[in-house]
Amino acid sequence: MKIAVGIIGLFLGLLVLMQSCAVTAGSGLLQDNATEGAGAIGMLVGLLFFIAGAFSFALPLVGAIVFALAAAFAFIASTSGSFSDITIWGFIALVLAVMSFFTWRSSKRKKLDASV
C-alpha cells in the first residue's frame, strides 16, 4: 500500500499544482484577489501532496503528517474565493493521510511480530 499511496500522492500533487496555477492565473487576469489567494494556497497544497507522496515510500508516518497538513491548508483555502475544488482535494488528502498512517502502523506491527 506504500507504493500505491506514493504514486497517487505524486500524481495528484502534479494535478493540484497545475489546477491551482490555472486558477491563480485566471483570477489574476480578472482581478479577483480572494480567489487568487486561494489559488496560491492551492499551489502550496499541490506541493505538499508531492512531498507527502515522496515520503510515503520510505517514511509513511511523515507522509501521513504532510498529507494532514495539506488537508488543513486546503480547508483553509476553501473558505476564501471561488476555488471550490480545493475542498475536494482536502478530503482526498485526509483519505491519503489515513491510508499512509495505517501503512506505517501495519509495517510497525510486522516488525514487532518478527522480533518476538
PDB file of N, CA and C in Angstrom:
ATOM      1  N   MET A   1       0.829  -1.192   0.000  1.00  0.00           N
ATOM      2  CA  MET A   1       0.000   0.000   0.000  1.00  0.00           C
ATOM      3  C   MET A   1       0.870   1.252   0.000  1.00  0.00           C
ATOM      4  N   LYS A   2       2.130   1.133   0.460  1.00  0.00           N
ATOM      5  CA  LYS A   2       3.045   2.279   0.430  1.00  0.00           C
ATOM      6  C   LYS A   2       3.221   2.804  -0.979  1.00  0.00           C
ATOM      7  N   ILE A   3       3.399   1.873  -1.901  1.00  0.00           N
ATOM      8  CA  ILE A   3       3.651   2.261  -3.283  1.00  0.00           C
ATOM      9  C   ILE A   3       2.413   2.930  -3.880  1.00  0.00           C
ATOM     10  N   ALA A   4       1.245   2.406  -3.572  1.00  0.00           N
ATOM     11  CA  ALA A   4       0.013   2.986  -4.100  1.00  0.00           C
ATOM     12  C   ALA A   4      -0.188   4.415  -3.583  1.00  0.00           C
ATOM     13  N   VAL A   5      -0.010   4.624  -2.288  1.00  0.00           N
ATOM     14  CA  VAL A   5      -0.176   5.963  -1.707  1.00  0.00           C
ATOM     15  C   VAL A   5       0.859   6.920  -2.289  1.00  0.00           C
ATOM     16  N   GLY A   6       2.090   6.440  -2.445  1.00  0.00           N
ATOM     17  CA  GLY A   6       3.139   7.287  -3.001  1.00  0.00           C
ATOM     18  C   GLY A   6       2.858   7.713  -4.428  1.00  0.00           C
ATOM     19  N   ILE A   7       2.462   6.770  -5.277  1.00  0.00           N
ATOM     20  CA  ILE A   7       2.182   7.093  -6.675  1.00  0.00           C
ATOM     21  C   ILE A   7       0.964   7.999  -6.790  1.00  0.00           C
ATOM     22  N   ILE A   8      -0.083   7.704  -6.032  1.00  0.00           N
ATOM     23  CA  ILE A   8      -1.281   8.549  -6.062  1.00  0.00           C
ATOM     24  C   ILE A   8      -0.948   9.953  -5.576  1.00  0.00           C
ATOM     25  N   GLY A   9      -0.168  10.056  -4.508  1.00  0.00           N
ATOM     26  CA  GLY A   9       0.215  11.364  -3.985  1.00  0.00           C
ATOM     27  C   GLY A   9       1.021  12.174  -4.978  1.00  0.00           C
ATOM     28  N   LEU A  10       1.976  11.531  -5.649  1.00  0.00           N
ATOM     29  CA  LEU A  10       2.785  12.240  -6.644  1.00  0.00           C
ATOM     30  C   LEU A  10       1.940  12.710  -7.825  1.00  0.00           C
ATOM     31  N   PHE A  11       1.081  11.821  -8.321  1.00  0.00           N
ATOM     32  CA  PHE A  11       0.241  12.172  -9.466  1.00  0.00           C
ATOM     33  C   PHE A  11      -0.749  13.283  -9.107  1.00  0.00           C
ATOM     34  N   LEU A  12      -1.425  13.153  -7.974  1.00  0.00           N
ATOM     35  CA  LEU A  12      -2.393  14.177  -7.578  1.00  0.00           C
ATOM     36  C   LEU A  12      -1.719  15.492  -7.219  1.00  0.00           C
ATOM     37  N   GLY A  13      -0.502  15.418  -6.688  1.00  0.00           N
ATOM     38  CA  GLY A  13       0.242  16.644  -6.405  1.00  0.00           C
ATOM     39  C   GLY A  13       0.491  17.445  -7.669  1.00  0.00           C
ATOM     40  N   LEU A  14       0.880  16.758  -8.723  1.00  0.00           N
ATOM     41  CA  LEU A  14       1.088  17.434 -10.003  1.00  0.00           C
ATOM     42  C   LEU A  14      -0.220  18.002 -10.536  1.00  0.00           C
ATOM     43  N   LEU A  15      -1.303  17.249 -10.396  1.00  0.00           N
ATOM     44  CA  LEU A  15      -2.613  17.694 -10.872  1.00  0.00           C
ATOM     45  C   LEU A  15      -3.113  18.919 -10.103  1.00  0.00           C
ATOM     46  N   VAL A  16      -2.997  18.891  -8.783  1.00  0.00           N
ATOM     47  CA  VAL A  16      -3.430  20.020  -7.950  1.00  0.00           C
ATOM     48  C   VAL A  16      -2.577  21.251  -8.250  1.00  0.00           C
ATOM     49  N   LEU A  17      -1.283  21.043  -8.426  1.00  0.00           N
ATOM     50  CA  LEU A  17      -0.386  22.149  -8.720  1.00  0.00           C
ATOM     51  C   LEU A  17      -0.749  22.818 -10.047  1.00  0.00           C
ATOM     52  N   MET A  18      -1.027  22.022 -11.070  1.00  0.00           N
ATOM     53  CA  MET A  18      -1.405  22.602 -12.371  1.00  0.00           C
ATOM     54  C   MET A  18      -2.753  23.318 -12.298  1.00  0.00           C
ATOM     55  N   GLN A  19      -3.730  22.716 -11.609  1.00  0.00           N
ATOM     56  CA  GLN A  19      -5.033  23.342 -11.488  1.00  0.00           C
ATOM     57  C   GLN A  19      -4.952  24.649 -10.707  1.00  0.00           C
ATOM     58  N   SER A  20      -4.176  24.655  -9.653  1.00  0.00           N
ATOM     59  CA  SER A  20      -4.043  25.864  -8.843  1.00  0.00           C
ATOM     60  C   SER A  20      -3.310  26.964  -9.598  1.00  0.00           C
ATOM     61  N   CYS A  21      -2.346  26.592 -10.415  1.00  0.00           N
ATOM     62  CA  CYS A  21      -1.665  27.590 -11.251  1.00  0.00           C
ATOM     63  C   CYS A  21      -2.649  28.225 -12.222  1.00  0.00           C
ATOM     64  N   ALA A  22      -3.523  27.412 -12.809  1.00  0.00           N
ATOM     65  CA  ALA A  22      -4.519  27.941 -13.739  1.00  0.00           C
ATOM     66  C   ALA A  22      -5.511  28.859 -13.021  1.00  0.00           C
ATOM     67  N   VAL A  23      -5.935  28.470 -11.817  1.00  0.00           N
ATOM     68  CA  VAL A  23      -6.861  29.305 -11.047  1.00  0.00           C
ATOM     69  C   VAL A  23      -6.204  30.624 -10.665  1.00  0.00           C
ATOM     70  N   THR A  24      -4.957  30.570 -10.245  1.00  0.00           N
ATOM     71  CA  THR A  24      -4.247  31.790  -9.855  1.00  0.00           C
ATOM     72  C   THR A  24      -4.057  32.717 -11.043  1.00  0.00           C
ATOM     73  N   ALA A  25      -3.697  32.158 -12.191  1.00  0.00           N
ATOM     74  CA  ALA A  25      -3.505  32.986 -13.385  1.00  0.00           C
ATOM     75  C   ALA A  25      -4.827  33.587 -13.853  1.00  0.00           C
ATOM     76  N   GLY A  26      -5.885  32.797 -13.855  1.00  0.00           N
ATOM     77  CA  GLY A  26      -7.187  33.307 -14.279  1.00  0.00           C
ATOM     78  C   GLY A  26      -7.737  34.370 -13.355  1.00  0.00           C
ATOM     79  N   SER A  27      -7.573  34.171 -12.060  1.00  0.00           N
ATOM     80  CA  SER A  27      -8.082  35.170 -11.125  1.00  0.00           C
ATOM     81  C   SER A  27      -7.210  36.419 -11.124  1.00  0.00           C
ATOM     82  N   GLY A  28      -5.946  36.276 -11.492  1.00  0.00           N
ATOM     83  CA  GLY A  28      -5.097  37.456 -11.641  1.00  0.00           C
ATOM     84  C   GLY A  28      -5.532  38.309 -12.812  1.00  0.00           C
ATOM     85  N   LEU A  29      -5.963  37.667 -13.876  1.00  0.00           N
ATOM     86  CA  LEU A  29      -6.463  38.406 -15.035  1.00  0.00           C
ATOM     87  C   LEU A  29      -7.789  39.093 -14.740  1.00  0.00           C
ATOM     88  N   LEU A  30      -8.605  38.459 -13.894  1.00  0.00           N
ATOM     89  CA  LEU A  30      -9.917  39.014 -13.554  1.00  0.00           C
ATOM     90  C   LEU A  30      -9.880  39.940 -12.341  1.00  0.00           C
ATOM     91  N   GLN A  31      -8.721  40.125 -11.747  1.00  0.00           N
ATOM     92  CA  GLN A  31      -8.539  40.978 -10.568  1.00  0.00           C
ATOM     93  C   GLN A  31      -9.372  40.506  -9.379  1.00  0.00           C
ATOM     94  N   ASP A  32      -9.455  39.199  -9.198  1.00  0.00           N
ATOM     95  CA  ASP A  32     -10.180  38.617  -8.066  1.00  0.00           C
ATOM     96  C   ASP A  32      -9.153  38.194  -7.023  1.00  0.00           C
ATOM     97  N   ASN A  33      -8.921  39.043  -6.038  1.00  0.00           N
ATOM     98  CA  ASN A  33      -7.851  38.813  -5.059  1.00  0.00           C
ATOM     99  C   ASN A  33      -8.126  37.627  -4.150  1.00  0.00           C
ATOM    100  N   ALA A  34      -9.382  37.401  -3.781  1.00  0.00           N
ATOM    101  CA  ALA A  34      -9.696  36.295  -2.871  1.00  0.00           C
ATOM    102  C   ALA A  34      -9.413  34.952  -3.534  1.00  0.00           C
ATOM    103  N   THR A  35      -9.841  34.793  -4.773  1.00  0.00           N
ATOM    104  CA  THR A  35      -9.598  33.541  -5.475  1.00  0.00           C
ATOM    105  C   THR A  35      -8.123  33.386  -5.819  1.00  0.00           C
ATOM    106  N   GLU A  36      -7.447  34.486  -6.066  1.00  0.00           N
ATOM    107  CA  GLU A  36      -6.017  34.425  -6.337  1.00  0.00           C
ATOM    108  C   GLU A  36      -5.260  33.911  -5.102  1.00  0.00           C
ATOM    109  N   GLY A  37      -5.673  34.361  -3.930  1.00  0.00           N
ATOM    110  CA  GLY A  37      -5.064  33.861  -2.689  1.00  0.00           C
ATOM    111  C   GLY A  37      -5.359  32.397  -2.464  1.00  0.00           C
ATOM    112  N   ALA A  38      -6.598  31.981  -2.757  1.00  0.00           N
ATOM    113  CA  ALA A  38      -6.951  30.567  -2.612  1.00  0.00           C
ATOM    114  C   ALA A  38      -6.158  29.717  -3.601  1.00  0.00           C
ATOM    115  N   GLY A  39      -5.936  30.235  -4.798  1.00  0.00           N
ATOM    116  CA  GLY A  39      -5.127  29.507  -5.777  1.00  0.00           C
ATOM    117  C   GLY A  39      -3.678  29.389  -5.341  1.00  0.00           C
ATOM    118  N   ALA A  40      -3.165  30.424  -4.696  1.00  0.00           N
ATOM    119  CA  ALA A  40      -1.788  30.373  -4.192  1.00  0.00           C
ATOM    120  C   ALA A  40      -1.652  29.328  -3.086  1.00  0.00           C
ATOM    121  N   ILE A  41      -2.640  29.266  -2.206  1.00  0.00           N
ATOM    122  CA  ILE A  41      -2.625  28.224  -1.172  1.00  0.00           C
ATOM    123  C   ILE A  41      -2.786  26.854  -1.824  1.00  0.00           C
ATOM    124  N   GLY A  42      -3.569  26.793  -2.898  1.00  0.00           N
ATOM    125  CA  GLY A  42      -3.721  25.543  -3.647  1.00  0.00           C
ATOM    126  C   GLY A  42      -2.405  25.058  -4.230  1.00  0.00           C
ATOM    127  N   MET A  43      -1.555  25.993  -4.668  1.00  0.00           N
ATOM    128  CA  MET A  43      -0.234  25.585  -5.152  1.00  0.00           C
ATOM    129  C   MET A  43       0.599  24.993  -4.016  1.00  0.00           C
ATOM    130  N   LEU A  44       0.476  25.563  -2.819  1.00  0.00           N
ATOM    131  CA  LEU A  44       1.159  25.001  -1.659  1.00  0.00           C
ATOM    132  C   LEU A  44       0.618  23.607  -1.349  1.00  0.00           C
ATOM    133  N   VAL A  45      -0.693  23.429  -1.467  1.00  0.00           N
ATOM    134  CA  VAL A  45      -1.308  22.122  -1.232  1.00  0.00           C
ATOM    135  C   VAL A  45      -0.775  21.106  -2.247  1.00  0.00           C
ATOM    136  N   GLY A  46      -0.655  21.513  -3.508  1.00  0.00           N
ATOM    137  CA  GLY A  46      -0.111  20.622  -4.522  1.00  0.00           C
ATOM    138  C   GLY A  46       1.326  20.229  -4.221  1.00  0.00           C
ATOM    139  N   LEU A  47       2.109  21.177  -3.764  1.00  0.00           N
ATOM    140  CA  LEU A  47       3.493  20.892  -3.393  1.00  0.00           C
ATOM    141  C   LEU A  47       3.549  19.946  -2.191  1.00  0.00           C
ATOM    142  N   LEU A  48       2.656  20.152  -1.226  1.00  0.00           N
ATOM    143  CA  LEU A  48       2.614  19.262  -0.062  1.00  0.00           C
ATOM    144  C   LEU A  48       2.177  17.849  -0.453  1.00  0.00           C
ATOM    145  N   PHE A  49       1.235  17.727  -1.405  1.00  0.00           N
ATOM    146  CA  PHE A  49       0.840  16.415  -1.924  1.00  0.00           C
ATOM    147  C   PHE A  49       2.066  15.714  -2.514  1.00  0.00           C
ATOM    148  N   PHE A  50       2.823  16.456  -3.291  1.00  0.00           N
ATOM    149  CA  PHE A  50       4.004  15.901  -3.952  1.00  0.00           C
ATOM    150  C   PHE A  50       5.034  15.448  -2.919  1.00  0.00           C
ATOM    151  N   ILE A  51       5.282  16.262  -1.918  1.00  0.00           N
ATOM    152  CA  ILE A  51       6.252  15.922  -0.864  1.00  0.00           C
ATOM    153  C   ILE A  51       5.766  14.712  -0.061  1.00  0.00           C
ATOM    154  N   ALA A  52       4.483  14.708   0.294  1.00  0.00           N
ATOM    155  CA  ALA A  52       3.935  13.594   1.072  1.00  0.00           C
ATOM    156  C   ALA A  52       3.973  12.301   0.271  1.00  0.00           C
ATOM    157  N   GLY A  53       3.706  12.385  -1.023  1.00  0.00           N
ATOM    158  CA  GLY A  53       3.791  11.196  -1.862  1.00  0.00           C
ATOM    159  C   GLY A  53       5.205  10.648  -1.907  1.00  0.00           C
ATOM    160  N   ALA A  54       6.196  11.531  -1.953  1.00  0.00           N
ATOM    161  CA  ALA A  54       7.585  11.089  -1.970  1.00  0.00           C
ATOM    162  C   ALA A  54       7.974  10.454  -0.629  1.00  0.00           C
ATOM    163  N   PHE A  55       7.516  11.019   0.470  1.00  0.00           N
ATOM    164  CA  PHE A  55       7.835  10.461   1.792  1.00  0.00           C
ATOM    165  C   PHE A  55       7.100   9.152   2.059  1.00  0.00           C
ATOM    166  N   SER A  56       5.981   8.920   1.390  1.00  0.00           N
ATOM    167  CA  SER A  56       5.176   7.733   1.667  1.00  0.00           C
ATOM    168  C   SER A  56       5.887   6.435   1.315  1.00  0.00           C
ATOM    169  N   PHE A  57       6.872   6.491   0.441  1.00  0.00           N
ATOM    170  CA  PHE A  57       7.587   5.271   0.081  1.00  0.00           C
ATOM    171  C   PHE A  57       8.452   4.763   1.230  1.00  0.00           C
ATOM    172  N   ALA A  58       9.238   5.643   1.849  1.00  0.00           N
ATOM    173  CA  ALA A  58      10.175   5.212   2.883  1.00  0.00           C
ATOM    174  C   ALA A  58       9.703   5.530   4.304  1.00  0.00           C
ATOM    175  N   LEU A  59       9.048   6.671   4.485  1.00  0.00           N
ATOM    176  CA  LEU A  59       8.605   7.105   5.810  1.00  0.00           C
ATOM    177  C   LEU A  59       7.105   7.425   5.778  1.00  0.00           C
ATOM    178  N   PRO A  60       6.253   6.401   5.862  1.00  0.00           N
ATOM    179  CA  PRO A  60       4.815   6.639   5.737  1.00  0.00           C
ATOM    180  C   PRO A  60       4.223   7.533   6.818  1.00  0.00           C
ATOM    181  N   LEU A  61       4.801   7.540   8.020  1.00  0.00           N
ATOM    182  CA  LEU A  61       4.271   8.406   9.072  1.00  0.00           C
ATOM    183  C   LEU A  61       4.490   9.875   8.718  1.00  0.00           C
ATOM    184  N   VAL A  62       5.648  10.197   8.182  1.00  0.00           N
ATOM    185  CA  VAL A  62       5.914  11.569   7.748  1.00  0.00           C
ATOM    186  C   VAL A  62       4.966  11.936   6.602  1.00  0.00           C
ATOM    187  N   GLY A  63       4.735  10.989   5.692  1.00  0.00           N
ATOM    188  CA  GLY A  63       3.784  11.224   4.609  1.00  0.00           C
ATOM    189  C   GLY A  63       2.385  11.506   5.132  1.00  0.00           C
ATOM    190  N   ALA A  64       1.967  10.765   6.161  1.00  0.00           N
ATOM    191  CA  ALA A  64       0.639  10.979   6.752  1.00  0.00           C
ATOM    192  C   ALA A  64       0.540  12.364   7.373  1.00  0.00           C
ATOM    193  N   ILE A  65       1.594  12.795   8.047  1.00  0.00           N
ATOM    194  CA  ILE A  65       1.579  14.120   8.666  1.00  0.00           C
ATOM    195  C   ILE A  65       1.516  15.216   7.611  1.00  0.00           C
ATOM    196  N   VAL A  66       2.279  15.056   6.533  1.00  0.00           N
ATOM    197  CA  VAL A  66       2.283  16.076   5.478  1.00  0.00           C
ATOM    198  C   VAL A  66       0.950  16.077   4.727  1.00  0.00           C
ATOM    199  N   PHE A  67       0.353  14.897   4.508  1.00  0.00           N
ATOM    200  CA  PHE A  67      -0.981  14.857   3.893  1.00  0.00           C
ATOM    201  C   PHE A  67      -2.006  15.559   4.786  1.00  0.00           C
ATOM    202  N   ALA A  68      -1.927  15.360   6.101  1.00  0.00           N
ATOM    203  CA  ALA A  68      -2.853  16.028   7.023  1.00  0.00           C
ATOM    204  C   ALA A  68      -2.646  17.539   6.999  1.00  0.00           C
ATOM    205  N   LEU A  69      -1.401  17.966   6.885  1.00  0.00           N
ATOM    206  CA  LEU A  69      -1.105  19.395   6.772  1.00  0.00           C
ATOM    207  C   LEU A  69      -1.669  19.964   5.468  1.00  0.00           C
ATOM    208  N   ALA A  70      -1.557  19.199   4.388  1.00  0.00           N
ATOM    209  CA  ALA A  70      -2.119  19.628   3.105  1.00  0.00           C
ATOM    210  C   ALA A  70      -3.641  19.750   3.196  1.00  0.00           C
ATOM    211  N   ALA A  71      -4.272  18.826   3.911  1.00  0.00           N
ATOM    212  CA  ALA A  71      -5.727  18.889   4.085  1.00  0.00           C
ATOM    213  C   ALA A  71      -6.117  20.133   4.871  1.00  0.00           C
ATOM    214  N   ALA A  72      -5.356  20.453   5.907  1.00  0.00           N
ATOM    215  CA  ALA A  72      -5.661  21.647   6.708  1.00  0.00           C
ATOM    216  C   ALA A  72      -5.551  22.908   5.864  1.00  0.00           C
ATOM    217  N   PHE A  73      -4.496  23.018   5.069  1.00  0.00           N
ATOM    218  CA  PHE A  73      -4.352  24.182   4.188  1.00  0.00           C
ATOM    219  C   PHE A  73      -5.460  24.231   3.141  1.00  0.00           C
ATOM    220  N   ALA A  74      -5.863  23.068   2.633  1.00  0.00           N
ATOM    221  CA  ALA A  74      -6.933  23.040   1.625  1.00  0.00           C
ATOM    222  C   ALA A  74      -8.249  23.521   2.220  1.00  0.00           C
ATOM    223  N   PHE A  75      -8.548  23.109   3.445  1.00  0.00           N
ATOM    224  CA  PHE A  75      -9.793  23.555   4.069  1.00  0.00           C
ATOM    225  C   PHE A  75      -9.746  25.039   4.411  1.00  0.00           C
ATOM    226  N   ILE A  76      -8.577  25.547   4.739  1.00  0.00           N
ATOM    227  CA  ILE A  76      -8.435  26.990   4.975  1.00  0.00           C
ATOM    228  C   ILE A  76      -8.653  27.760   3.672  1.00  0.00           C
ATOM    229  N   ALA A  77      -8.096  27.249   2.576  1.00  0.00           N
ATOM    230  CA  ALA A  77      -8.236  27.923   1.285  1.00  0.00           C
ATOM    231  C   ALA A  77      -9.667  27.873   0.765  1.00  0.00           C
ATOM    232  N   SER A  78     -10.424  26.863   1.168  1.00  0.00           N
ATOM    233  CA  SER A  78     -11.801  26.749   0.672  1.00  0.00           C
ATOM    234  C   SER A  78     -12.724  27.808   1.259  1.00  0.00           C
ATOM    235  N   THR A  79     -12.300  28.472   2.328  1.00  0.00           N
ATOM    236  CA  THR A  79     -13.152  29.495   2.938  1.00  0.00           C
ATOM    237  C   THR A  79     -13.068  30.832   2.213  1.00  0.00           C
ATOM    238  N   SER A  80     -12.072  31.002   1.348  1.00  0.00           N
ATOM    239  CA  SER A  80     -11.935  32.278   0.644  1.00  0.00           C
ATOM    240  C   SER A  80     -11.957  32.048  -0.862  1.00  0.00           C
ATOM    241  N   GLY A  81     -12.576  32.946  -1.569  1.00  0.00           N
ATOM    242  CA  GLY A  81     -12.604  32.881  -3.030  1.00  0.00           C
ATOM    243  C   GLY A  81     -13.600  31.870  -3.550  1.00  0.00           C
ATOM    244  N   SER A  82     -13.535  31.657  -4.850  1.00  0.00           N
ATOM    245  CA  SER A  82     -14.476  30.750  -5.508  1.00  0.00           C
ATOM    246  C   SER A  82     -13.771  29.517  -6.060  1.00  0.00           C
ATOM    247  N   PHE A  83     -12.719  29.083  -5.401  1.00  0.00           N
ATOM    248  CA  PHE A  83     -11.981  27.885  -5.792  1.00  0.00           C
ATOM    249  C   PHE A  83     -12.529  26.719  -4.980  1.00  0.00           C
ATOM    250  N   SER A  84     -13.685  26.190  -5.407  1.00  0.00           N
ATOM    251  CA  SER A  84     -14.392  25.187  -4.608  1.00  0.00           C
ATOM    252  C   SER A  84     -13.775  23.791  -4.737  1.00  0.00           C
ATOM    253  N   ASP A  85     -12.981  23.546  -5.765  1.00  0.00           N
ATOM    254  CA  ASP A  85     -12.357  22.230  -5.919  1.00  0.00           C
ATOM    255  C   ASP A  85     -11.348  21.934  -4.822  1.00  0.00           C
ATOM    256  N   ILE A  86     -10.837  22.955  -4.182  1.00  0.00           N
ATOM    257  CA  ILE A  86      -9.819  22.749  -3.158  1.00  0.00           C
ATOM    258  C   ILE A  86     -10.390  21.977  -1.967  1.00  0.00           C
ATOM    259  N   THR A  87     -11.698  22.057  -1.749  1.00  0.00           N
ATOM    260  CA  THR A  87     -12.335  21.278  -0.684  1.00  0.00           C
ATOM    261  C   THR A  87     -12.230  19.787  -0.989  1.00  0.00           C
ATOM    262  N   ILE A  88     -12.441  19.424  -2.236  1.00  0.00           N
ATOM    263  CA  ILE A  88     -12.330  18.017  -2.647  1.00  0.00           C
ATOM    264  C   ILE A  88     -10.907  17.523  -2.438  1.00  0.00           C
ATOM    265  N   TRP A  89      -9.927  18.363  -2.789  1.00  0.00           N
ATOM    266  CA  TRP A  89      -8.528  17.976  -2.588  1.00  0.00           C
ATOM    267  C   TRP A  89      -8.213  17.817  -1.102  1.00  0.00           C
ATOM    268  N   GLY A  90      -8.874  18.595  -0.261  1.00  0.00           N
ATOM    269  CA  GLY A  90      -8.683  18.447   1.175  1.00  0.00           C
ATOM    270  C   GLY A  90      -9.173  17.102   1.681  1.00  0.00           C
ATOM    271  N   PHE A  91     -10.347  16.666   1.210  1.00  0.00           N
ATOM    272  CA  PHE A  91     -10.860  15.370   1.624  1.00  0.00           C
ATOM    273  C   PHE A  91      -9.996  14.230   1.086  1.00  0.00           C
ATOM    274  N   ILE A  92      -9.499  14.373  -0.135  1.00  0.00           N
ATOM    275  CA  ILE A  92      -8.611  13.353  -0.695  1.00  0.00           C
ATOM    276  C   ILE A  92      -7.317  13.287   0.112  1.00  0.00           C
ATOM    277  N   ALA A  93      -6.810  14.443   0.536  1.00  0.00           N
ATOM    278  CA  ALA A  93      -5.601  14.456   1.366  1.00  0.00           C
ATOM    279  C   ALA A  93      -5.844  13.755   2.694  1.00  0.00           C
ATOM    280  N   LEU A  94      -7.018  13.935   3.271  1.00  0.00           N
ATOM    281  CA  LEU A  94      -7.343  13.235   4.526  1.00  0.00           C
ATOM    282  C   LEU A  94      -7.376  11.725   4.332  1.00  0.00           C
ATOM    283  N   VAL A  95      -7.969  11.275   3.226  1.00  0.00           N
ATOM    284  CA  VAL A  95      -8.024   9.839   2.943  1.00  0.00           C
ATOM    285  C   VAL A  95      -6.616   9.278   2.769  1.00  0.00           C
ATOM    286  N   LEU A  96      -5.771  10.010   2.030  1.00  0.00           N
ATOM    287  CA  LEU A  96      -4.400   9.545   1.830  1.00  0.00           C
ATOM    288  C   LEU A  96      -3.605   9.566   3.140  1.00  0.00           C
ATOM    289  N   ALA A  97      -3.893  10.531   4.010  1.00  0.00           N
ATOM    290  CA  ALA A  97      -3.229  10.570   5.317  1.00  0.00           C
ATOM    291  C   ALA A  97      -3.598   9.345   6.143  1.00  0.00           C
ATOM    292  N   VAL A  98      -4.863   8.982   6.129  1.00  0.00           N
ATOM    293  CA  VAL A  98      -5.309   7.801   6.884  1.00  0.00           C
ATOM    294  C   VAL A  98      -4.681   6.534   6.307  1.00  0.00           C
ATOM    295  N   MET A  99      -4.657   6.442   4.978  1.00  0.00           N
ATOM    296  CA  MET A  99      -4.048   5.265   4.351  1.00  0.00           C
ATOM    297  C   MET A  99      -2.562   5.166   4.687  1.00  0.00           C
ATOM    298  N   SER A 100      -1.882   6.294   4.648  1.00  0.00           N
ATOM    299  CA  SER A 100      -0.460   6.305   4.956  1.00  0.00           C
ATOM    300  C   SER A 100      -0.209   5.960   6.421  1.00  0.00           C
ATOM    301  N   PHE A 101      -1.065   6.454   7.305  1.00  0.00           N
ATOM    302  CA  PHE A 101      -0.926   6.126   8.726  1.00  0.00           C
ATOM    303  C   PHE A 101      -1.094   4.638   8.966  1.00  0.00           C
ATOM    304  N   PHE A 102      -2.118   4.026   8.361  1.00  0.00           N
ATOM    305  CA  PHE A 102      -2.323   2.598   8.568  1.00  0.00           C
ATOM    306  C   PHE A 102      -1.235   1.767   7.911  1.00  0.00           C
ATOM    307  N   THR A 103      -0.629   2.267   6.853  1.00  0.00           N
ATOM    308  CA  THR A 103       0.522   1.590   6.263  1.00  0.00           C
ATOM    309  C   THR A 103       1.682   1.586   7.241  1.00  0.00           C
ATOM    310  N   TRP A 104       1.930   2.740   7.860  1.00  0.00           N
ATOM    311  CA  TRP A 104       3.008   2.828   8.854  1.00  0.00           C
ATOM    312  C   TRP A 104       2.729   1.909  10.031  1.00  0.00           C
ATOM    313  N   ARG A 105       1.476   1.908  10.481  1.00  0.00           N
ATOM    314  CA  ARG A 105       1.103   1.100  11.642  1.00  0.00           C
ATOM    315  C   ARG A 105       1.250  -0.396  11.356  1.00  0.00           C
ATOM    316  N   SER A 106       0.856  -0.832  10.168  1.00  0.00           N
ATOM    317  CA  SER A 106       0.972  -2.259   9.850  1.00  0.00           C
ATOM    318  C   SER A 106       2.428  -2.674   9.681  1.00  0.00           C
ATOM    319  N   SER A 107       3.265  -1.798   9.124  1.00  0.00           N
ATOM    320  CA  SER A 107       4.681  -2.152   8.992  1.00  0.00           C
ATOM    321  C   SER A 107       5.365  -2.181  10.359  1.00  0.00           C
ATOM    322  N   LYS A 108       4.947  -1.302  11.256  1.00  0.00           N
ATOM    323  CA  LYS A 108       5.499  -1.310  12.612  1.00  0.00           C
ATOM    324  C   LYS A 108       5.081  -2.576  13.348  1.00  0.00           C
ATOM    325  N   ARG A 109       3.843  -2.992  13.133  1.00  0.00           N
ATOM    326  CA  ARG A 109       3.344  -4.213  13.794  1.00  0.00           C
ATOM    327  C   ARG A 109       4.062  -5.453  13.256  1.00  0.00           C
ATOM    328  N   LYS A 110       4.369  -5.455  11.962  1.00  0.00           N
ATOM    329  CA  LYS A 110       5.098  -6.595  11.384  1.00  0.00           C
ATOM    330  C   LYS A 110       6.505  -6.680  11.969  1.00  0.00           C
ATOM    331  N   LYS A 111       7.146  -5.538  12.188  1.00  0.00           N
ATOM    332  CA  LYS A 111       8.480  -5.547  12.778  1.00  0.00           C
ATOM    333  C   LYS A 111       8.440  -6.064  14.216  1.00  0.00           C
ATOM    334  N   LEU A 112       7.404  -5.704  14.963  1.00  0.00           N
ATOM    335  CA  LEU A 112       7.275  -6.191  16.335  1.00  0.00           C
ATOM    336  C   LEU A 112       7.038  -7.690  16.380  1.00  0.00           C
ATOM    337  N   ASP A 113       6.197  -8.195  15.452  1.00  0.00           N
ATOM    338  CA  ASP A 113       5.923  -9.628  15.413  1.00  0.00           C
ATOM    339  C   ASP A 113       7.147 -10.418  14.991  1.00  0.00           C
ATOM    340  N   ALA A 114       7.984  -9.844  14.133  1.00  0.00           N
ATOM    341  CA  ALA A 114       9.176 -10.548  13.657  1.00  0.00           C
ATOM    342  C   ALA A 114      10.233 -10.629  14.745  1.00  0.00           C
ATOM    343  N   SER A 115      10.273  -9.638  15.632  1.00  0.00           N
ATOM    344  CA  SER A 115      11.309  -9.634  16.679  1.00  0.00           C
ATOM    345  C   SER A 115      10.962 -10.528  17.864  1.00  0.00           C
ATOM    346  N   VAL A 116       9.696 -10.915  17.973  1.00  0.00           N
ATOM    347  CA  VAL A 116       9.268 -11.734  19.116  1.00  0.00           C
ATOM    348  C   VAL A 116       9.474 -13.179  18.864  1.00  0.00           C
TER     349      VAL A 116
END
